[in-house]
Amino acid sequence: MTLLDRQTEWLAEDGWIIVQIHPVEFEELPLENLTLFDQRQYGSVMLCFYARPVASEALN
């Protein structure tokens, strides 16, 4: 994730990164260019959804 956070040109402007992990593996990451905007858990699978912040959020 940190590599993708540094290389934002790899992601379309409105693209998402979806990470599949086991819930016990989850940890908050100090990301500068990506924002965790949703998490969903299905049994022993957690999906974490990341995207670039929208322009109004980036100004704050």
Foldseek 3Di string as FASTA:
>chain_A
DQVCLVVVVVAPQFGKDKDKDFVVPDDDDPGDFKDFDDWDDDPRIIITIIHGDPPVVVVD
